[in-house]
Amino acid sequence: MKPISQPSGGGRGPSRGPGGGPARGPQARPRQPSLAQLRAFAAVAEQLHFRDAATAIGMSQPALSGAVSALEETLGVQLLERTTRKVLLSPAGERLAARARTVLDAVGAFMEEADAARAPFTGVLRLGVIPTVAPYLLPTVLRLVHESYPDLDLQVHEEQTSSLLDGLTQGRLDLLLLAVPLGAPGVTEIPLFDEDFVLVTPSDHWLAGRGDIPRAALRELELLLLDEGHCLRDQALDVCREAGRTEGAPVTTSAAGLSTLVQLVGGGLGVTLLPRTALRVETGRNDQLSTGYFADPAPSRRIALAMRAGAARQGEFEEFAVALRTALRSLPVRIAG
């Protein structure tokens, strides 16, 4: 008798699934339920009635019934017990109904967040500001946001320029308000205004109250400056170098902030340079101080907004800059075109 030949592969034919089709192997990827199927099942689980569930989600009853059946087939689990009089959840349906509702709630929250992201001036805006700008411009910025952008969650961070730039490039901050130019790659500057520097002196100083101070006067003055790291210190030194001040001329670094700096001036320890936006706040309460103004063209600095080049909210930030320029017109500055 001839031996019976066996099929290759150990004598077994292809394995079959419960419905007669090929069984899925361990590497097969199961089908994923659709949101429409989950929505239909969640509605039936809540209403326990196909017609009421279809009405609740705006779906035809046949389509809803088909979606639930398709979900059962996809999962390989019976979710409902159907009778002629009512619909009941199976034990598996009881457990999975809560999961389906959690998924649908999460998807709803996801879409709400996407809607908010598409809407300008909503959500969080993390604004970085340098210390020599924050006390003098923030009242205007905060008033603008409160009146014009009530849905914007503005979060303010006051830091020195180097820290702000690190925060911007690393994504910790969204927008900066500071003195430019920065010369930082990957950063776009939106100019807001230019402002002059003024000379703050003791009230009995020989330059007190003058309106035509030549820059050359800076060559020999006892100049008080902010500590290292403040961009205003670097700007003041640049002004002095342009005026011909030598490296050996005395410069006393004694203050971490402008308020302390002007008090030192009031005490007769020297003179300092202030941006005009700071003048009223820092000198208004001290009768020992006087202000001198430089002859044209006066030394000045430019203040701008800075953002990451190609930022997703670039259009929003540019619109904000336009509104901010308008709001700043009451200050002693020259608005950038």
Protein backbone atom coordinates (compact mmCIF):
# COMPACT_ATOMS: atom_id res chain seq x y z
CA MET A 1 0.00 0.00 0.00
CA LYS A 2 1.33 3.37 -0.91
CA PRO A 3 1.79 5.80 1.94
CA ILE A 4 -0.66 8.64 1.98
CA SER A 5 1.07 11.84 0.98
CA GLN A 6 0.90 14.69 3.48
CA PRO A 7 0.66 18.41 2.63
CA SER A 8 3.82 20.36 3.32
CA GLY A 9 4.02 22.15 6.63
CA GLY A 10 3.56 19.22 8.94
CA GLY A 11 0.35 17.85 7.48
CA ARG A 12 -1.94 20.68 8.63
CA GLY A 13 -4.05 22.78 6.37
CA PRO A 14 -4.52 26.48 6.98
CA SER A 15 -6.14 27.19 10.32
CA ARG A 16 -9.60 28.66 10.20
CA GLY A 17 -11.19 31.30 12.32
CA PRO A 18 -14.57 30.96 14.08
CA GLY A 19 -16.42 32.12 10.96
CA GLY A 20 -14.59 29.82 8.61
CA GLY A 21 -12.12 32.45 7.42
CA PRO A 22 -8.40 32.40 8.02
CA ALA A 23 -7.49 32.93 11.65
CA ARG A 24 -5.39 35.98 12.42
CA GLY A 25 -1.84 35.12 13.35
CA PRO A 26 -0.07 36.72 16.32
CA GLN A 27 1.50 39.35 14.05
CA ALA A 28 -1.78 40.42 12.42
CA ARG A 29 -2.95 43.90 13.29
CA PRO A 30 -6.59 43.96 14.49
CA ARG A 31 -8.99 46.40 12.92
CA GLN A 32 -9.64 49.57 14.87
CA PRO A 33 -13.17 50.68 15.78
CA SER A 34 -14.27 53.94 14.23
CA LEU A 35 -15.50 56.96 16.17
CA ALA A 36 -18.89 56.57 14.50
CA GLN A 37 -19.14 53.01 15.85
CA LEU A 38 -18.14 54.10 19.35
CA ARG A 39 -20.60 56.99 19.21
CA ALA A 40 -23.44 54.69 18.15
CA PHE A 41 -22.65 52.13 20.85
CA ALA A 42 -22.38 54.81 23.56
CA ALA A 43 -25.76 56.21 22.54
CA VAL A 44 -27.42 52.79 22.68
CA ALA A 45 -25.75 52.05 26.01
CA GLU A 46 -27.19 55.28 27.39
CA GLN A 47 -30.68 55.06 25.89
CA LEU A 48 -31.12 51.25 25.81
CA HIS A 49 -33.35 51.88 22.81
CA PHE A 50 -32.25 51.97 19.17
CA ARG A 51 -34.75 54.58 17.99
CA ASP A 52 -34.08 56.94 20.89
CA ALA A 53 -30.32 56.47 20.50
CA ALA A 54 -30.50 57.23 16.77
CA THR A 55 -32.48 60.40 17.46
CA ALA A 56 -30.03 61.51 20.17
CA ILE A 57 -27.03 61.49 17.82
CA GLY A 58 -28.82 62.47 14.59
CA MET A 59 -28.33 59.11 12.88
CA SER A 60 -30.81 56.86 11.08
CA GLN A 61 -31.83 53.77 13.02
CA PRO A 62 -30.56 51.30 10.39
CA ALA A 63 -27.21 53.08 10.23
CA LEU A 64 -26.90 53.05 14.02
CA SER A 65 -27.77 49.37 14.23
CA GLY A 66 -25.24 48.60 11.51
CA ALA A 67 -22.54 50.61 13.30
CA VAL A 68 -23.06 48.71 16.55
CA SER A 69 -23.02 45.36 14.74
CA ALA A 70 -19.82 46.37 12.94
CA LEU A 71 -18.25 47.31 16.27
CA GLU A 72 -19.14 43.91 17.74
CA GLU A 73 -17.60 42.20 14.71
CA THR A 74 -14.46 44.33 14.93
CA LEU A 75 -14.02 43.59 18.64
CA GLY A 76 -15.15 39.97 18.48
CA VAL A 77 -17.35 40.66 21.49
CA GLN A 78 -21.13 40.73 21.90
CA LEU A 79 -22.02 44.10 23.41
CA LEU A 80 -25.82 43.97 23.41
CA GLU A 81 -28.58 41.47 24.11
CA ARG A 82 -31.40 42.24 21.70
CA THR A 83 -34.95 41.13 22.36
CA THR A 84 -38.20 42.07 20.68
CA ARG A 85 -39.11 44.37 23.55
CA LYS A 86 -35.86 45.91 24.82
CA VAL A 87 -32.09 46.20 24.57
CA LEU A 88 -29.75 45.11 27.35
CA LEU A 89 -26.01 45.46 27.74
CA SER A 90 -24.03 42.26 27.95
CA PRO A 91 -21.47 41.96 30.75
CA ALA A 92 -18.76 42.93 28.25
CA GLY A 93 -20.96 45.77 27.00
CA GLU A 94 -21.30 47.09 30.55
CA ARG A 95 -17.52 47.34 30.88
CA LEU A 96 -16.82 48.70 27.43
CA ALA A 97 -19.59 51.33 27.49
CA ALA A 98 -17.69 53.34 30.09
CA ARG A 99 -14.49 53.02 28.05
CA ALA A 100 -16.28 54.20 24.92
CA ARG A 101 -17.60 57.28 26.71
CA THR A 102 -14.08 58.08 28.00
CA VAL A 103 -12.67 57.86 24.47
CA LEU A 104 -15.41 60.07 23.03
CA ASP A 105 -14.95 62.66 25.81
CA ALA A 106 -11.21 62.73 25.15
CA VAL A 107 -11.77 63.22 21.42
CA GLY A 108 -14.22 66.04 22.18
CA ALA A 109 -11.65 67.76 24.41
CA PHE A 110 -9.02 67.29 21.69
CA MET A 111 -11.24 69.01 19.11
CA GLU A 112 -12.07 71.85 21.51
CA GLU A 113 -8.36 72.44 22.03
CA ALA A 114 -7.84 72.48 18.26
CA ASP A 115 -10.66 75.02 17.89
CA ALA A 116 -9.03 77.21 20.53
CA ALA A 117 -5.66 76.93 18.77
CA ARG A 118 -7.23 78.11 15.52
CA ALA A 119 -8.82 81.10 17.25
CA PRO A 120 -6.37 84.01 17.65
CA PHE A 121 -5.66 85.55 21.05
CA THR A 122 -6.92 82.59 23.08
CA GLY A 123 -5.05 80.18 25.30
CA VAL A 124 -1.71 80.89 26.97
CA LEU A 125 0.80 83.51 25.81
CA ARG A 126 4.10 83.38 27.71
CA LEU A 127 5.66 86.82 27.39
CA GLY A 128 9.26 87.48 28.43
CA VAL A 129 10.25 91.07 29.35
CA ILE A 130 13.59 92.61 30.34
CA PRO A 131 13.79 94.43 33.71
CA THR A 132 14.47 97.86 32.15
CA VAL A 133 11.20 97.61 30.19
CA ALA A 134 8.81 95.67 32.42
CA PRO A 135 7.85 98.32 35.03
CA TYR A 136 7.28 101.03 32.42
CA LEU A 137 5.51 99.20 29.57
CA LEU A 138 3.63 96.41 31.33
CA PRO A 139 0.78 98.68 32.51
CA THR A 140 0.07 99.48 28.87
CA VAL A 141 0.48 95.86 27.76
CA LEU A 142 -1.78 94.52 30.51
CA ARG A 143 -4.46 97.11 29.82
CA LEU A 144 -4.40 96.26 26.11
CA VAL A 145 -4.76 92.55 26.79
CA HIS A 146 -7.55 93.10 29.32
CA GLU A 147 -9.56 95.36 27.02
CA SER A 148 -8.90 93.82 23.61
CA TYR A 149 -8.00 90.17 24.23
CA PRO A 150 -9.99 88.98 27.27
CA ASP A 151 -9.65 85.30 26.31
CA LEU A 152 -5.85 85.48 26.26
CA ASP A 153 -4.09 83.98 29.27
CA LEU A 154 -1.04 86.25 29.49
CA GLN A 155 1.84 84.94 31.62
CA VAL A 156 4.71 87.40 32.20
CA HIS A 157 8.33 86.40 32.89
CA GLU A 158 10.83 89.15 33.80
CA GLU A 159 14.39 88.03 33.01
CA GLN A 160 17.61 89.34 31.49
CA THR A 161 18.09 89.17 27.73
CA SER A 162 20.25 86.04 27.58
CA SER A 163 17.80 84.07 29.70
CA LEU A 164 14.86 85.28 27.62
CA LEU A 165 16.52 84.20 24.38
CA ASP A 166 17.24 80.77 25.82
CA GLY A 167 13.59 80.50 26.88
CA LEU A 168 12.39 81.50 23.42
CA THR A 169 14.57 79.08 21.49
CA GLN A 170 13.79 76.21 23.87
CA GLY A 171 10.03 76.81 23.69
CA ARG A 172 9.61 77.93 27.30
CA LEU A 173 8.54 81.41 26.13
CA ASP A 174 6.42 82.44 23.15
CA LEU A 175 7.17 86.13 22.70
CA LEU A 176 9.73 88.63 24.04
CA LEU A 177 9.56 92.37 24.73
CA LEU A 178 13.09 93.74 24.84
CA ALA A 179 15.76 95.98 23.33
CA VAL A 180 17.15 95.12 19.90
CA PRO A 181 19.04 94.32 17.75
CA LEU A 182 19.67 90.87 19.17
CA GLY A 183 21.72 89.30 16.41
CA ALA A 184 20.28 85.90 17.36
CA PRO A 185 19.79 83.30 14.60
CA GLY A 186 16.27 81.96 14.21
CA VAL A 187 14.69 84.98 15.91
CA THR A 188 12.43 87.50 14.15
CA GLU A 189 12.17 91.04 15.53
CA ILE A 190 9.07 93.23 15.19
CA PRO A 191 10.05 96.85 15.99
CA LEU A 192 7.74 98.82 18.27
CA PHE A 193 9.43 102.15 19.02
CA ASP A 194 12.64 104.08 19.57
CA GLU A 195 13.26 106.05 22.76
CA ASP A 196 15.97 108.52 23.73
CA PHE A 197 18.31 108.22 26.67
CA VAL A 198 18.37 111.11 29.12
CA LEU A 199 21.05 112.06 31.63
CA VAL A 200 19.96 111.87 35.28
CA THR A 201 22.10 113.99 37.59
CA PRO A 202 22.07 115.38 41.12
CA SER A 203 20.02 118.58 41.22
CA ASP A 204 23.16 120.71 41.76
CA HIS A 205 25.15 119.14 38.91
CA TRP A 206 26.53 121.47 36.23
CA LEU A 207 24.53 119.60 33.53
CA ALA A 208 21.28 119.55 35.52
CA GLY A 209 18.28 120.71 33.49
CA ARG A 210 20.15 121.38 30.27
CA GLY A 211 18.43 120.58 26.98
CA ASP A 212 21.42 120.60 24.64
CA ILE A 213 23.97 118.31 26.26
CA PRO A 214 26.62 117.20 23.74
CA ARG A 215 27.48 113.51 23.75
CA ALA A 216 31.10 114.50 24.32
CA ALA A 217 30.11 115.42 27.89
CA LEU A 218 29.97 111.70 28.67
CA ARG A 219 33.70 111.34 28.23
CA GLU A 220 34.69 112.36 31.77
CA LEU A 221 31.52 111.97 33.88
CA GLU A 222 31.37 109.62 36.87
CA LEU A 223 28.90 107.22 35.30
CA LEU A 224 26.82 104.78 37.31
CA LEU A 225 25.61 101.70 35.43
CA LEU A 226 23.64 98.53 36.03
CA ASP A 227 25.32 95.23 36.83
CA GLU A 228 26.76 92.94 34.20
CA GLY A 229 24.12 91.08 32.19
CA HIS A 230 21.71 93.99 31.75
CA CYS A 231 21.43 95.04 28.13
CA LEU A 232 20.95 98.66 29.24
CA ARG A 233 24.47 98.59 30.67
CA ASP A 234 25.86 97.48 27.31
CA GLN A 235 23.82 100.11 25.47
CA ALA A 236 25.04 102.86 27.79
CA LEU A 237 28.64 101.78 27.31
CA ASP A 238 28.13 101.81 23.54
CA VAL A 239 26.85 105.38 23.79
CA CYS A 240 29.89 106.35 25.85
CA ARG A 241 32.30 104.74 23.38
CA GLU A 242 30.61 106.58 20.51
CA ALA A 243 31.11 109.81 22.47
CA GLY A 244 34.84 109.09 22.71
CA ARG A 245 34.95 107.92 26.31
CA THR A 246 38.15 106.01 26.98
CA GLU A 247 38.22 102.59 28.55
CA GLY A 248 40.05 103.97 31.57
CA ALA A 249 37.40 106.56 32.48
CA PRO A 250 35.71 105.71 35.79
CA VAL A 251 32.54 103.62 35.54
CA THR A 252 30.99 102.48 38.80
CA THR A 253 28.77 99.42 38.68
CA SER A 254 26.70 99.51 41.83
CA ALA A 255 23.07 98.65 41.11
CA ALA A 256 20.97 95.67 40.09
CA GLY A 257 17.99 97.84 39.12
CA LEU A 258 17.17 101.32 37.88
CA SER A 259 15.44 102.34 41.12
CA THR A 260 18.62 101.79 43.11
CA LEU A 261 20.67 103.45 40.40
CA VAL A 262 18.79 106.74 40.52
CA GLN A 263 18.91 106.77 44.32
CA LEU A 264 22.70 106.55 44.11
CA VAL A 265 22.62 109.49 41.71
CA GLY A 266 20.45 111.42 44.15
CA GLY A 267 23.04 110.74 46.82
CA GLY A 268 25.69 112.48 44.76
CA LEU A 269 27.67 109.41 43.71
CA GLY A 270 27.56 110.16 39.99
CA VAL A 271 25.22 110.39 37.00
CA THR A 272 23.43 107.78 34.90
CA LEU A 273 21.59 107.24 31.64
CA LEU A 274 17.89 106.36 31.71
CA PRO A 275 15.52 105.47 28.89
CA ARG A 276 12.77 108.08 28.68
CA THR A 277 9.99 105.60 29.44
CA ALA A 278 11.57 105.05 32.87
CA LEU A 279 12.03 108.71 33.71
CA ARG A 280 8.70 109.58 35.34
CA VAL A 281 8.54 106.42 37.45
CA GLU A 282 12.14 106.51 38.66
CA THR A 283 12.73 110.24 39.24
CA GLY A 284 9.28 111.65 39.99
CA ARG A 285 9.50 111.23 43.78
CA ASN A 286 13.03 112.46 44.38
CA ASP A 287 13.68 116.22 44.46
CA GLN A 288 17.42 115.57 44.65
CA LEU A 289 17.44 114.52 40.99
CA SER A 290 17.45 116.50 37.80
CA THR A 291 17.21 115.55 34.12
CA GLY A 292 19.33 116.69 31.21
CA TYR A 293 18.51 116.10 27.56
CA PHE A 294 21.02 115.48 24.78
CA ALA A 295 21.30 117.58 21.67
CA ASP A 296 19.93 115.97 18.50
CA PRO A 297 20.50 113.30 17.52
CA ALA A 298 20.15 112.00 21.05
CA PRO A 299 21.42 108.51 21.89
CA SER A 300 18.54 106.05 21.85
CA ARG A 301 17.50 102.41 21.95
CA ARG A 302 14.91 100.41 20.01
CA ILE A 303 12.31 98.22 21.71
CA ALA A 304 10.72 95.34 19.82
CA LEU A 305 8.82 92.11 20.09
CA ALA A 306 10.82 89.00 19.25
CA MET A 307 9.55 85.57 18.25
CA ARG A 308 10.90 82.37 16.79
CA ALA A 309 11.29 82.61 13.03
CA GLY A 310 8.36 80.85 11.40
CA ALA A 311 6.38 80.68 14.66
CA ALA A 312 2.94 79.11 14.29
CA ARG A 313 1.39 82.24 15.83
CA GLN A 314 3.36 84.71 13.72
CA GLY A 315 0.25 86.37 12.28
CA GLU A 316 -1.21 86.77 15.75
CA PHE A 317 2.01 88.28 17.10
CA GLU A 318 2.25 90.74 14.22
CA GLU A 319 -1.32 91.85 14.84
CA PHE A 320 -0.51 92.23 18.53
CA ALA A 321 2.47 94.44 17.63
CA VAL A 322 0.23 96.75 15.58
CA ALA A 323 -2.20 97.12 18.47
CA LEU A 324 0.63 97.66 20.94
CA ARG A 325 2.18 100.44 18.84
CA THR A 326 -1.15 102.26 18.94
CA ALA A 327 -1.46 101.79 22.70
CA LEU A 328 2.08 103.14 23.28
CA ARG A 329 1.59 106.44 21.45
CA SER A 330 0.97 108.31 24.69
CA LEU A 331 4.51 107.52 25.90
CA PRO A 332 7.56 109.73 25.12
CA VAL A 333 8.72 107.46 22.26
CA ARG A 334 8.92 107.44 18.47
CA ILE A 335 6.65 104.69 17.16
CA ALA A 336 8.27 102.46 14.55
CA GLY A 337 6.75 102.58 11.09
